[in-house]
């Protein structure tokens, strides 16, 4: 049987190594900057108090007012840093997902080009959504949707789309199905009913889960996907394939 897709071992290792490097550096250079927010906010309060102390007049001012204002300034500083921490985490997740997504499509196009060269299939693969690509691999015999990492990758996709588009379809799915990505209220529960896109959050554990899913995906890609009578492909791929193969046949006939 002919080989339709081949995952070269060196390429697999390279893709995993690049992802691991991204995660290592993101933790070291970005996420680690937000490890001591309480200490930083306390220090900010002290610095604010020191900078404004020369305004204090014991005949007109109550010292308690200055200390209270310093405390409130520290709380506001903490909240802004915490918001930046959330956005940074989401940005790391977006970078993780988009790079993986592009690599999957790039590899798919290159492998298809070994047996069908044409622009229609290439455009179709790059236009296809996440589930379309999964359907293609399912039809080729790689039962990706039953793998443990597929759900994590799909959640990651939803989080990234919600982060990009705000209160759209992806965020509505998150509110109804995955409240773990909604900011918690005081008692630790997710107040998802009235949440909006500004309440979207990911934890360090979520990032770790998404990262592991990417690695597990690359590890699970079959070394060879072979042609066979039992294989089927989704209509969107068949349509593009027929266009390219028809154009190729016409080009041969005109020579």
C-alpha atoms as a PDB file:
ATOM      1  CA  UNK A   1       0.000   0.000   0.000  1.00  0.00           C
ATOM      2  CA  UNK A   2       1.091   3.552  -0.681  1.00  0.00           C
ATOM      3  CA  UNK A   3       2.126   5.886   2.125  1.00  0.00           C
ATOM      4  CA  UNK A   4      -0.193   8.868   2.512  1.00  0.00           C
ATOM      5  CA  UNK A   5       1.473  10.446   5.561  1.00  0.00           C
ATOM      6  CA  UNK A   6       4.832   9.851   7.182  1.00  0.00           C
ATOM      7  CA  UNK A   7       5.940  11.318  10.510  1.00  0.00           C
ATOM      8  CA  UNK A   8       9.722  11.243  10.338  1.00  0.00           C
ATOM      9  CA  UNK A   9      11.204  10.500  13.766  1.00  0.00           C
ATOM     10  CA  UNK A  10      13.591  13.452  13.586  1.00  0.00           C
ATOM     11  CA  UNK A  11      10.719  15.793  12.751  1.00  0.00           C
ATOM     12  CA  UNK A  12       8.681  14.455  15.672  1.00  0.00           C
ATOM     13  CA  UNK A  13      11.603  15.069  18.019  1.00  0.00           C
ATOM     14  CA  UNK A  14      12.141  18.559  16.591  1.00  0.00           C
ATOM     15  CA  UNK A  15       8.501  19.586  17.018  1.00  0.00           C
ATOM     16  CA  UNK A  16       8.417  18.369  20.617  1.00  0.00           C
ATOM     17  CA  UNK A  17      11.743  20.047  21.395  1.00  0.00           C
ATOM     18  CA  UNK A  18      10.565  23.379  19.969  1.00  0.00           C
ATOM     19  CA  UNK A  19       7.383  23.241  22.005  1.00  0.00           C
ATOM     20  CA  UNK A  20       9.282  22.321  25.177  1.00  0.00           C
ATOM     21  CA  UNK A  21      11.663  25.235  24.615  1.00  0.00           C
ATOM     22  CA  UNK A  22       8.733  27.632  24.196  1.00  0.00           C
ATOM     23  CA  UNK A  23       7.145  26.464  27.441  1.00  0.00           C
ATOM     24  CA  UNK A  24      10.416  26.526  29.366  1.00  0.00           C
ATOM     25  CA  UNK A  25      11.211  30.078  28.282  1.00  0.00           C
ATOM     26  CA  UNK A  26       7.628  31.289  28.773  1.00  0.00           C
ATOM     27  CA  UNK A  27       7.728  30.099  32.374  1.00  0.00           C
ATOM     28  CA  UNK A  28      11.197  31.520  32.971  1.00  0.00           C
ATOM     29  CA  UNK A  29      10.851  34.888  31.228  1.00  0.00           C
ATOM     30  CA  UNK A  30       7.131  35.657  31.518  1.00  0.00           C
ATOM     31  CA  UNK A  31       5.119  33.664  34.034  1.00  0.00           C
ATOM     32  CA  UNK A  32       7.778  33.767  36.762  1.00  0.00           C
ATOM     33  CA  UNK A  33       7.447  37.563  36.911  1.00  0.00           C
ATOM     34  CA  UNK A  34       4.125  37.204  38.742  1.00  0.00           C
ATOM     35  CA  UNK A  35       5.085  34.841  41.547  1.00  0.00           C
ATOM     36  CA  UNK A  36       5.134  37.381  44.405  1.00  0.00           C
ATOM     37  CA  UNK A  37       2.255  39.757  43.782  1.00  0.00           C
ATOM     38  CA  UNK A  38       1.422  40.280  47.460  1.00  0.00           C
ATOM     39  CA  UNK A  39       5.006  41.203  48.308  1.00  0.00           C
ATOM     40  CA  UNK A  40       5.136  43.602  45.357  1.00  0.00           C
ATOM     41  CA  UNK A  41       1.867  45.265  46.322  1.00  0.00           C
ATOM     42  CA  UNK A  42       3.056  45.660  49.928  1.00  0.00           C
ATOM     43  CA  UNK A  43       6.274  47.214  48.695  1.00  0.00           C
ATOM     44  CA  UNK A  44       4.297  49.525  46.412  1.00  0.00           C
ATOM     45  CA  UNK A  45       2.226  50.676  49.412  1.00  0.00           C
ATOM     46  CA  UNK A  46       5.389  51.433  51.379  1.00  0.00           C
ATOM     47  CA  UNK A  47       6.921  53.323  48.458  1.00  0.00           C
ATOM     48  CA  UNK A  48       3.726  55.320  47.959  1.00  0.00           C
ATOM     49  CA  UNK A  49       3.705  56.236  51.635  1.00  0.00           C
ATOM     50  CA  UNK A  50       7.358  57.300  51.497  1.00  0.00           C
ATOM     51  CA  UNK A  51       6.789  59.466  48.419  1.00  0.00           C
ATOM     52  CA  UNK A  52       3.753  61.234  49.910  1.00  0.00           C
ATOM     53  CA  UNK A  53       4.999  61.576  53.497  1.00  0.00           C
ATOM     54  CA  UNK A  54       6.279  65.097  52.869  1.00  0.00           C
ATOM     55  CA  UNK A  55       2.679  66.194  52.358  1.00  0.00           C
ATOM     56  CA  UNK A  56       1.779  65.144  55.884  1.00  0.00           C
ATOM     57  CA  UNK A  57       0.913  68.015  58.229  1.00  0.00           C
ATOM     58  CA  UNK A  58       0.293  66.830  61.823  1.00  0.00           C
ATOM     59  CA  UNK A  59      -1.846  69.893  62.499  1.00  0.00           C
ATOM     60  CA  UNK A  60      -4.257  69.118  59.639  1.00  0.00           C
ATOM     61  CA  UNK A  61      -3.920  65.427  58.765  1.00  0.00           C
ATOM     62  CA  UNK A  62      -4.812  62.187  60.454  1.00  0.00           C
ATOM     63  CA  UNK A  63      -1.935  59.673  60.045  1.00  0.00           C
ATOM     64  CA  UNK A  64      -4.492  56.906  59.681  1.00  0.00           C
ATOM     65  CA  UNK A  65      -5.818  58.466  56.490  1.00  0.00           C
ATOM     66  CA  UNK A  66      -2.372  58.257  54.881  1.00  0.00           C
ATOM     67  CA  UNK A  67      -1.928  54.624  55.887  1.00  0.00           C
ATOM     68  CA  UNK A  68      -5.399  53.752  54.641  1.00  0.00           C
ATOM     69  CA  UNK A  69      -4.727  55.441  51.299  1.00  0.00           C
ATOM     70  CA  UNK A  70      -1.404  53.602  51.015  1.00  0.00           C
ATOM     71  CA  UNK A  71      -3.211  50.330  51.621  1.00  0.00           C
ATOM     72  CA  UNK A  72      -5.801  51.132  48.926  1.00  0.00           C
ATOM     73  CA  UNK A  73      -3.051  52.095  46.485  1.00  0.00           C
ATOM     74  CA  UNK A  74      -1.406  48.725  47.127  1.00  0.00           C
ATOM     75  CA  UNK A  75      -4.697  46.889  46.529  1.00  0.00           C
ATOM     76  CA  UNK A  76      -5.223  48.693  43.222  1.00  0.00           C
ATOM     77  CA  UNK A  77      -1.639  47.915  42.193  1.00  0.00           C
ATOM     78  CA  UNK A  78      -2.186  44.243  43.086  1.00  0.00           C
ATOM     79  CA  UNK A  79      -5.374  44.093  41.019  1.00  0.00           C
ATOM     80  CA  UNK A  80      -3.642  45.586  37.977  1.00  0.00           C
ATOM     81  CA  UNK A  81      -0.748  43.149  38.293  1.00  0.00           C
ATOM     82  CA  UNK A  82      -3.151  40.240  38.715  1.00  0.00           C
ATOM     83  CA  UNK A  83      -4.989  41.324  35.567  1.00  0.00           C
ATOM     84  CA  UNK A  84      -1.675  41.504  33.715  1.00  0.00           C
ATOM     85  CA  UNK A  85      -0.830  38.035  35.026  1.00  0.00           C
ATOM     86  CA  UNK A  86      -4.105  36.680  33.605  1.00  0.00           C
ATOM     87  CA  UNK A  87      -3.496  38.293  30.219  1.00  0.00           C
ATOM     88  CA  UNK A  88       0.068  37.004  30.140  1.00  0.00           C
ATOM     89  CA  UNK A  89      -1.082  33.454  30.866  1.00  0.00           C
ATOM     90  CA  UNK A  90      -3.695  33.698  28.108  1.00  0.00           C
ATOM     91  CA  UNK A  91      -1.090  35.074  25.709  1.00  0.00           C
ATOM     92  CA  UNK A  92       1.196  32.128  26.450  1.00  0.00           C
ATOM     93  CA  UNK A  93      -1.674  29.725  25.773  1.00  0.00           C
ATOM     94  CA  UNK A  94      -2.512  31.535  22.527  1.00  0.00           C
ATOM     95  CA  UNK A  95       1.102  31.302  21.381  1.00  0.00           C
ATOM     96  CA  UNK A  96       1.224  27.630  22.313  1.00  0.00           C
ATOM     97  CA  UNK A  97      -1.942  26.785  20.400  1.00  0.00           C
ATOM     98  CA  UNK A  98      -1.352  28.880  17.277  1.00  0.00           C
ATOM     99  CA  UNK A  99       2.140  27.500  16.751  1.00  0.00           C
ATOM    100  CA  UNK A 100       0.942  23.919  17.175  1.00  0.00           C
ATOM    101  CA  UNK A 101      -2.016  24.530  14.863  1.00  0.00           C
ATOM    102  CA  UNK A 102       0.216  25.967  12.121  1.00  0.00           C
ATOM    103  CA  UNK A 103       2.694  23.116  12.445  1.00  0.00           C
ATOM    104  CA  UNK A 104      -0.084  20.524  12.095  1.00  0.00           C
ATOM    105  CA  UNK A 105      -1.421  22.150   8.935  1.00  0.00           C
ATOM    106  CA  UNK A 106       2.040  22.680   7.485  1.00  0.00           C
ATOM    107  CA  UNK A 107       2.940  19.018   8.015  1.00  0.00           C
ATOM    108  CA  UNK A 108      -0.395  17.884   6.567  1.00  0.00           C
ATOM    109  CA  UNK A 109       0.053  19.987   3.412  1.00  0.00           C
ATOM    110  CA  UNK A 110       3.621  18.787   2.881  1.00  0.00           C
ATOM    111  CA  UNK A 111       2.621  15.144   3.203  1.00  0.00           C
ATOM    112  CA  UNK A 112      -0.337  15.532   0.825  1.00  0.00           C
ATOM    113  CA  UNK A 113       1.972  17.209  -1.689  1.00  0.00           C
ATOM    114  CA  UNK A 114       3.853  13.927  -2.045  1.00  0.00           C
ATOM    115  CA  UNK A 115       0.877  12.409  -3.851  1.00  0.00           C
ATOM    116  CA  UNK A 116      -1.271  15.363  -4.935  1.00  0.00           C
ATOM    117  CA  UNK A 117       0.183  18.739  -5.752  1.00  0.00           C
ATOM    118  CA  UNK A 118      -2.264  21.589  -6.033  1.00  0.00           C
ATOM    119  CA  UNK A 119      -3.426  24.818  -4.475  1.00  0.00           C
ATOM    120  CA  UNK A 120      -7.009  23.735  -3.684  1.00  0.00           C
ATOM    121  CA  UNK A 121      -6.065  21.096  -1.117  1.00  0.00           C
ATOM    122  CA  UNK A 122      -3.527  23.454   0.433  1.00  0.00           C
ATOM    123  CA  UNK A 123      -6.100  26.245   0.767  1.00  0.00           C
ATOM    124  CA  UNK A 124      -8.713  23.824   2.092  1.00  0.00           C
ATOM    125  CA  UNK A 125      -6.386  22.545   4.818  1.00  0.00           C
ATOM    126  CA  UNK A 126      -5.500  26.053   5.937  1.00  0.00           C
ATOM    127  CA  UNK A 127      -9.176  27.094   5.899  1.00  0.00           C
ATOM    128  CA  UNK A 128     -10.383  24.012   7.780  1.00  0.00           C
ATOM    129  CA  UNK A 129     -11.343  24.338  11.427  1.00  0.00           C
ATOM    130  CA  UNK A 130     -10.052  22.176  14.253  1.00  0.00           C
ATOM    131  CA  UNK A 131     -12.757  19.526  13.939  1.00  0.00           C
ATOM    132  CA  UNK A 132     -12.378  19.402  10.143  1.00  0.00           C
ATOM    133  CA  UNK A 133      -8.708  18.468  10.537  1.00  0.00           C
ATOM    134  CA  UNK A 134      -9.644  15.883  13.171  1.00  0.00           C
ATOM    135  CA  UNK A 135     -12.259  14.409  10.794  1.00  0.00           C
ATOM    136  CA  UNK A 136      -9.598  14.072   8.100  1.00  0.00           C
ATOM    137  CA  UNK A 137      -7.291  12.080  10.376  1.00  0.00           C
ATOM    138  CA  UNK A 138     -10.195   9.999  11.673  1.00  0.00           C
ATOM    139  CA  UNK A 139     -11.093   9.051   8.088  1.00  0.00           C
ATOM    140  CA  UNK A 140      -7.488   8.062   7.446  1.00  0.00           C
ATOM    141  CA  UNK A 141      -7.509   5.646  10.359  1.00  0.00           C
ATOM    142  CA  UNK A 142      -5.967   7.702  13.146  1.00  0.00           C
ATOM    143  CA  UNK A 143      -8.761   7.810  15.730  1.00  0.00           C
ATOM    144  CA  UNK A 144      -7.665  11.098  17.206  1.00  0.00           C
ATOM    145  CA  UNK A 145     -10.994  12.036  18.800  1.00  0.00           C
ATOM    146  CA  UNK A 146     -10.812   9.079  21.162  1.00  0.00           C
ATOM    147  CA  UNK A 147      -7.367  10.077  22.445  1.00  0.00           C
ATOM    148  CA  UNK A 148      -7.009  11.504  25.930  1.00  0.00           C
ATOM    149  CA  UNK A 149      -5.322  14.674  24.646  1.00  0.00           C
ATOM    150  CA  UNK A 150      -8.035  15.619  22.161  1.00  0.00           C
ATOM    151  CA  UNK A 151     -10.366  17.144  24.773  1.00  0.00           C
ATOM    152  CA  UNK A 152      -7.537  19.269  26.189  1.00  0.00           C
ATOM    153  CA  UNK A 153      -6.651  20.566  22.736  1.00  0.00           C
ATOM    154  CA  UNK A 154     -10.289  21.378  22.036  1.00  0.00           C
ATOM    155  CA  UNK A 155     -10.569  23.256  25.343  1.00  0.00           C
ATOM    156  CA  UNK A 156      -7.388  25.117  24.470  1.00  0.00           C
ATOM    157  CA  UNK A 157      -8.905  26.103  21.112  1.00  0.00           C
ATOM    158  CA  UNK A 158     -12.012  27.459  22.837  1.00  0.00           C
ATOM    159  CA  UNK A 159      -9.977  29.437  25.356  1.00  0.00           C
ATOM    160  CA  UNK A 160      -7.813  30.965  22.627  1.00  0.00           C
ATOM    161  CA  UNK A 161     -10.847  31.871  20.506  1.00  0.00           C
ATOM    162  CA  UNK A 162     -12.595  33.430  23.507  1.00  0.00           C
ATOM    163  CA  UNK A 163      -9.456  35.392  24.371  1.00  0.00           C
ATOM    164  CA  UNK A 164      -9.279  36.690  20.798  1.00  0.00           C
ATOM    165  CA  UNK A 165     -12.963  37.335  20.067  1.00  0.00           C
ATOM    166  CA  UNK A 166     -14.426  38.136  23.491  1.00  0.00           C
ATOM    167  CA  UNK A 167     -18.107  37.417  24.117  1.00  0.00           C
ATOM    168  CA  UNK A 168     -18.586  35.174  21.081  1.00  0.00           C
ATOM    169  CA  UNK A 169     -19.544  31.584  20.458  1.00  0.00           C
ATOM    170  CA  UNK A 170     -16.435  30.089  22.033  1.00  0.00           C
ATOM    171  CA  UNK A 171     -16.981  31.961  25.286  1.00  0.00           C
ATOM    172  CA  UNK A 172     -20.622  30.863  25.403  1.00  0.00           C
ATOM    173  CA  UNK A 173     -19.487  27.226  25.159  1.00  0.00           C
ATOM    174  CA  UNK A 174     -16.980  27.812  27.947  1.00  0.00           C
ATOM    175  CA  UNK A 175     -19.672  29.354  30.166  1.00  0.00           C
ATOM    176  CA  UNK A 176     -22.005  26.412  29.676  1.00  0.00           C
ATOM    177  CA  UNK A 177     -19.556  23.495  29.548  1.00  0.00           C
ATOM    178  CA  UNK A 178     -16.190  24.513  31.027  1.00  0.00           C
ATOM    179  CA  UNK A 179     -16.716  26.918  33.949  1.00  0.00           C
ATOM    180  CA  UNK A 180     -13.218  26.083  35.194  1.00  0.00           C
ATOM    181  CA  UNK A 181     -12.029  28.806  32.817  1.00  0.00           C
ATOM    182  CA  UNK A 182     -14.283  31.440  34.419  1.00  0.00           C
ATOM    183  CA  UNK A 183     -12.918  33.634  37.195  1.00  0.00           C
ATOM    184  CA  UNK A 184     -14.001  32.356  40.605  1.00  0.00           C
ATOM    185  CA  UNK A 185     -16.002  34.371  43.110  1.00  0.00           C
ATOM    186  CA  UNK A 186     -15.332  34.598  46.831  1.00  0.00           C
ATOM    187  CA  UNK A 187     -16.388  31.075  47.709  1.00  0.00           C
ATOM    188  CA  UNK A 188     -14.224  29.564  44.960  1.00  0.00           C
ATOM    189  CA  UNK A 189     -17.088  28.708  42.609  1.00  0.00           C
ATOM    190  CA  UNK A 190     -17.348  29.965  39.021  1.00  0.00           C
ATOM    191  CA  UNK A 191     -19.961  32.692  38.626  1.00  0.00           C
ATOM    192  CA  UNK A 192     -20.460  31.845  34.971  1.00  0.00           C
ATOM    193  CA  UNK A 193     -24.083  32.914  34.495  1.00  0.00           C
ATOM    194  CA  UNK A 194     -23.279  36.632  34.370  1.00  0.00           C
ATOM    195  CA  UNK A 195     -19.613  36.348  33.362  1.00  0.00           C
ATOM    196  CA  UNK A 196     -18.179  38.099  30.327  1.00  0.00           C
ATOM    197  CA  UNK A 197     -14.920  37.697  28.418  1.00  0.00           C
ATOM    198  CA  UNK A 198     -13.011  39.701  31.041  1.00  0.00           C
ATOM    199  CA  UNK A 199     -13.647  36.808  33.467  1.00  0.00           C
ATOM    200  CA  UNK A 200     -11.770  34.310  31.280  1.00  0.00           C
ATOM    201  CA  UNK A 201      -8.823  32.825  33.188  1.00  0.00           C
ATOM    202  CA  UNK A 202      -6.342  29.963  32.961  1.00  0.00           C
ATOM    203  CA  UNK A 203      -4.309  28.577  35.816  1.00  0.00           C
ATOM    204  CA  UNK A 204      -0.772  27.239  35.787  1.00  0.00           C
ATOM    205  CA  UNK A 205      -2.272  23.743  35.822  1.00  0.00           C
ATOM    206  CA  UNK A 206      -4.410  24.516  32.768  1.00  0.00           C
ATOM    207  CA  UNK A 207      -1.296  25.684  30.915  1.00  0.00           C
ATOM    208  CA  UNK A 208       0.515  22.508  31.931  1.00  0.00           C
ATOM    209  CA  UNK A 209      -2.398  20.379  30.714  1.00  0.00           C
ATOM    210  CA  UNK A 210      -2.487  22.176  27.351  1.00  0.00           C
ATOM    211  CA  UNK A 211       1.265  21.807  26.983  1.00  0.00           C
ATOM    212  CA  UNK A 212       1.148  18.088  27.766  1.00  0.00           C
ATOM    213  CA  UNK A 213      -1.659  17.660  25.218  1.00  0.00           C
ATOM    214  CA  UNK A 214       0.517  19.162  22.464  1.00  0.00           C
ATOM    215  CA  UNK A 215       3.405  16.846  23.338  1.00  0.00           C
ATOM    216  CA  UNK A 216       1.102  13.822  23.528  1.00  0.00           C
ATOM    217  CA  UNK A 217      -0.392  14.741  20.153  1.00  0.00           C
ATOM    218  CA  UNK A 218       2.991  14.707  18.430  1.00  0.00           C
ATOM    219  CA  UNK A 219       3.961  11.485  20.175  1.00  0.00           C
ATOM    220  CA  UNK A 220       0.723   9.842  19.035  1.00  0.00           C
ATOM    221  CA  UNK A 221       0.910  10.783  15.338  1.00  0.00           C
ATOM    222  CA  UNK A 222       1.302   7.435  13.504  1.00  0.00           C
ATOM    223  CA  UNK A 223       4.682   6.964  11.890  1.00  0.00           C
ATOM    224  CA  UNK A 224       2.905   5.898   8.707  1.00  0.00           C
ATOM    225  CA  UNK A 225      -0.654   6.412   7.475  1.00  0.00           C
ATOM    226  CA  UNK A 226      -1.196   4.085   4.530  1.00  0.00           C
ATOM    227  CA  UNK A 227      -3.683   4.064   1.672  1.00  0.00           C
ATOM    228  CA  UNK A 228      -6.416   1.432   1.774  1.00  0.00           C
ATOM    229  CA  UNK A 229      -9.950   0.586   0.702  1.00  0.00           C
ATOM    230  CA  UNK A 230     -11.347   1.166   4.184  1.00  0.00           C
ATOM    231  CA  UNK A 231     -10.260   4.807   4.326  1.00  0.00           C
ATOM    232  CA  UNK A 232     -12.650   7.717   3.908  1.00  0.00           C
ATOM    233  CA  UNK A 233     -12.047  11.450   3.918  1.00  0.00           C
ATOM    234  CA  UNK A 234     -14.477  14.288   4.696  1.00  0.00           C
ATOM    235  CA  UNK A 235     -16.327  16.056   1.854  1.00  0.00           C
ATOM    236  CA  UNK A 236     -14.347  19.298   2.174  1.00  0.00           C
ATOM    237  CA  UNK A 237     -11.113  17.411   1.493  1.00  0.00           C
ATOM    238  CA  UNK A 238     -12.582  15.297  -1.306  1.00  0.00           C
ATOM    239  CA  UNK A 239     -13.894  18.397  -3.063  1.00  0.00           C
ATOM    240  CA  UNK A 240     -10.511  20.121  -2.998  1.00  0.00           C
ATOM    241  CA  UNK A 241      -8.712  16.927  -3.994  1.00  0.00           C
ATOM    242  CA  UNK A 242     -10.922  16.444  -7.041  1.00  0.00           C
ATOM    243  CA  UNK A 243     -10.296  20.012  -8.154  1.00  0.00           C
ATOM    244  CA  UNK A 244      -6.536  19.604  -7.905  1.00  0.00           C
ATOM    245  CA  UNK A 245      -6.472  16.186  -9.536  1.00  0.00           C
ATOM    246  CA  UNK A 246      -8.718  17.419 -12.353  1.00  0.00           C
ATOM    247  CA  UNK A 247      -6.499  20.410 -12.952  1.00  0.00           C
ATOM    248  CA  UNK A 248      -3.434  18.173 -12.970  1.00  0.00           C
ATOM    249  CA  UNK A 249      -4.993  15.860 -15.535  1.00  0.00           C
ATOM    250  CA  UNK A 250      -5.863  18.815 -17.759  1.00  0.00           C
ATOM    251  CA  UNK A 251      -2.334  20.104 -17.490  1.00  0.00           C
ATOM    252  CA  UNK A 252      -0.944  16.711 -18.563  1.00  0.00           C
ATOM    253  CA  UNK A 253      -3.331  16.497 -21.525  1.00  0.00           C
ATOM    254  CA  UNK A 254      -2.297  19.904 -22.791  1.00  0.00           C
ATOM    255  CA  UNK A 255       1.371  18.955 -22.983  1.00  0.00           C
END
